[in-house]
N, C-alpha and C. Protein backbone atom coordinates (compact mmCIF):
# COMPACT_ATOMS: atom_id res chain seq x y z
N MET A 1 -31.40 6.23 -24.14
CA MET A 1 -30.74 5.17 -23.37
C MET A 1 -31.83 4.42 -22.57
N THR A 2 -31.67 3.12 -22.62
CA THR A 2 -32.62 2.33 -21.86
C THR A 2 -32.10 2.16 -20.42
N ALA A 3 -32.94 1.63 -19.58
CA ALA A 3 -32.56 1.44 -18.18
C ALA A 3 -31.40 0.45 -18.05
N TYR A 4 -31.42 -0.55 -18.94
CA TYR A 4 -30.31 -1.52 -18.93
C TYR A 4 -28.99 -0.86 -19.21
N GLU A 5 -28.95 0.01 -20.19
CA GLU A 5 -27.70 0.71 -20.52
C GLU A 5 -27.22 1.61 -19.39
N ILE A 6 -28.15 2.30 -18.77
CA ILE A 6 -27.80 3.19 -17.65
C ILE A 6 -27.22 2.36 -16.49
N VAL A 7 -27.85 1.23 -16.18
CA VAL A 7 -27.37 0.38 -15.10
C VAL A 7 -25.97 -0.18 -15.44
N MET A 8 -25.76 -0.56 -16.68
CA MET A 8 -24.47 -1.09 -17.11
C MET A 8 -23.38 -0.03 -17.02
N VAL A 9 -23.70 1.20 -17.42
CA VAL A 9 -22.72 2.28 -17.34
C VAL A 9 -22.36 2.54 -15.88
N VAL A 10 -23.36 2.56 -14.99
CA VAL A 10 -23.09 2.81 -13.56
C VAL A 10 -22.26 1.69 -12.98
N LEU A 11 -22.58 0.43 -13.36
CA LEU A 11 -21.80 -0.71 -12.84
C LEU A 11 -20.38 -0.68 -13.41
N GLY A 12 -20.20 -0.27 -14.62
CA GLY A 12 -18.85 -0.15 -15.21
C GLY A 12 -18.03 0.90 -14.48
N ILE A 13 -18.66 2.05 -14.20
CA ILE A 13 -17.95 3.09 -13.46
C ILE A 13 -17.59 2.64 -12.06
N LEU A 14 -18.51 1.95 -11.41
CA LEU A 14 -18.22 1.41 -10.07
C LEU A 14 -17.06 0.40 -10.12
N GLY A 15 -17.05 -0.45 -11.15
CA GLY A 15 -15.99 -1.42 -11.31
C GLY A 15 -14.64 -0.75 -11.49
N LEU A 16 -14.60 0.34 -12.29
CA LEU A 16 -13.33 1.05 -12.48
C LEU A 16 -12.89 1.73 -11.16
N LEU A 17 -13.83 2.28 -10.42
CA LEU A 17 -13.48 2.90 -9.15
C LEU A 17 -12.89 1.89 -8.19
N VAL A 18 -13.48 0.72 -8.12
CA VAL A 18 -12.98 -0.33 -7.22
C VAL A 18 -11.59 -0.80 -7.67
N SER A 19 -11.40 -0.96 -8.99
CA SER A 19 -10.10 -1.41 -9.50
C SER A 19 -9.01 -0.42 -9.19
N PHE A 20 -9.26 0.88 -9.47
CA PHE A 20 -8.24 1.88 -9.21
C PHE A 20 -8.02 2.10 -7.71
N GLY A 21 -9.08 1.90 -6.90
CA GLY A 21 -8.92 1.99 -5.46
C GLY A 21 -8.03 0.89 -4.94
N GLY A 22 -8.18 -0.32 -5.46
CA GLY A 22 -7.31 -1.44 -5.07
C GLY A 22 -5.88 -1.19 -5.49
N LEU A 23 -5.72 -0.63 -6.69
CA LEU A 23 -4.36 -0.29 -7.16
C LEU A 23 -3.73 0.78 -6.28
N LEU A 24 -4.49 1.75 -5.88
CA LEU A 24 -3.99 2.82 -5.02
C LEU A 24 -3.57 2.28 -3.65
N ILE A 25 -4.38 1.39 -3.09
CA ILE A 25 -4.04 0.81 -1.81
C ILE A 25 -2.81 -0.04 -1.88
N ALA A 26 -2.66 -0.83 -2.96
CA ALA A 26 -1.48 -1.64 -3.15
C ALA A 26 -0.23 -0.78 -3.28
N LEU A 27 -0.36 0.34 -4.01
CA LEU A 27 0.78 1.25 -4.17
C LEU A 27 1.17 1.87 -2.84
N LEU A 28 0.22 2.28 -2.05
CA LEU A 28 0.51 2.86 -0.73
C LEU A 28 1.18 1.86 0.20
N VAL A 29 0.73 0.62 0.18
CA VAL A 29 1.32 -0.42 1.02
C VAL A 29 2.76 -0.69 0.57
N PHE A 30 2.98 -0.73 -0.74
CA PHE A 30 4.33 -0.95 -1.28
C PHE A 30 5.26 0.18 -0.85
N LEU A 31 4.80 1.40 -0.99
CA LEU A 31 5.65 2.55 -0.61
C LEU A 31 5.91 2.58 0.88
N ASP A 32 4.92 2.19 1.69
CA ASP A 32 5.08 2.18 3.14
C ASP A 32 6.11 1.12 3.52
N LYS A 33 6.03 -0.07 2.96
CA LYS A 33 7.01 -1.13 3.28
C LYS A 33 8.41 -0.71 2.84
N ARG A 34 8.50 -0.03 1.70
CA ARG A 34 9.80 0.38 1.19
C ARG A 34 10.45 1.39 2.12
N SER A 35 9.65 2.35 2.60
CA SER A 35 10.20 3.37 3.48
C SER A 35 10.56 2.79 4.85
N LYS A 36 9.81 1.82 5.35
CA LYS A 36 10.13 1.17 6.62
C LYS A 36 11.42 0.39 6.50
N ARG A 37 11.62 -0.28 5.38
CA ARG A 37 12.85 -1.07 5.20
C ARG A 37 14.04 -0.14 5.09
N LYS A 38 13.89 1.01 4.43
CA LYS A 38 14.99 1.93 4.26
C LYS A 38 15.38 2.54 5.62
N ASN A 39 14.43 2.83 6.50
CA ASN A 39 14.73 3.43 7.81
C ASN A 39 15.33 2.41 8.75
N ASN A 40 15.07 1.11 8.54
CA ASN A 40 15.53 0.09 9.48
C ASN A 40 16.66 -0.74 8.88
N ALA A 41 17.43 -0.17 7.95
CA ALA A 41 18.48 -0.91 7.28
C ALA A 41 19.59 -1.30 8.23
N HIS A 42 19.97 -0.41 9.15
CA HIS A 42 21.03 -0.68 10.13
C HIS A 42 20.48 -0.45 11.52
N PRO A 43 19.93 -1.46 12.13
CA PRO A 43 19.37 -1.28 13.45
C PRO A 43 20.41 -0.93 14.50
N VAL A 44 20.14 0.06 15.27
CA VAL A 44 21.05 0.53 16.31
C VAL A 44 20.31 0.49 17.65
N CYS A 45 21.01 0.03 18.68
CA CYS A 45 20.42 -0.03 20.00
C CYS A 45 20.07 1.40 20.47
N GLN A 46 18.90 1.57 21.00
CA GLN A 46 18.43 2.92 21.43
C GLN A 46 19.17 3.40 22.68
N ARG A 47 19.62 2.49 23.53
CA ARG A 47 20.20 2.91 24.81
C ARG A 47 21.61 3.51 24.63
N ASN A 48 22.49 2.80 23.91
CA ASN A 48 23.86 3.30 23.85
C ASN A 48 24.33 3.64 22.44
N GLY A 49 23.50 3.49 21.43
CA GLY A 49 23.86 3.84 20.06
C GLY A 49 24.74 2.84 19.35
N ARG A 50 24.99 1.69 19.97
CA ARG A 50 25.82 0.66 19.33
C ARG A 50 24.95 -0.38 18.64
N LEU A 51 25.52 -1.03 17.67
CA LEU A 51 24.82 -2.09 16.93
C LEU A 51 24.67 -3.29 17.85
N SER A 52 23.48 -3.80 18.01
CA SER A 52 23.25 -4.94 18.84
C SER A 52 23.38 -6.22 18.01
N MET A 53 24.21 -7.15 18.45
CA MET A 53 24.41 -8.40 17.72
C MET A 53 23.57 -9.54 18.30
N ARG A 54 22.75 -9.27 19.29
CA ARG A 54 21.87 -10.29 19.88
C ARG A 54 20.81 -10.67 18.91
N GLY A 55 20.44 -11.95 18.89
CA GLY A 55 19.31 -12.43 18.09
C GLY A 55 19.71 -12.74 16.65
N SER A 56 20.96 -12.63 16.30
CA SER A 56 21.33 -12.96 14.92
C SER A 56 22.27 -14.14 14.86
C-alpha cells in the first residue's frame, strides 16, 4: 500500500465516523423532542392541579 492509499483509507474511515456521529446526534435530538412532547401533552397548573386556560 502506498502512502496515498493509507491516507485515503484513514480519511474514508473518518468520514464514516463523522456521518454516523451526525446521524446519532439527529436521532437523539428527535427522540428527546418526542419524549418532551409526550410528557407535555396536557399541561396542568402546578399549584392547584387544574388545567390553565390562560395564554390560549
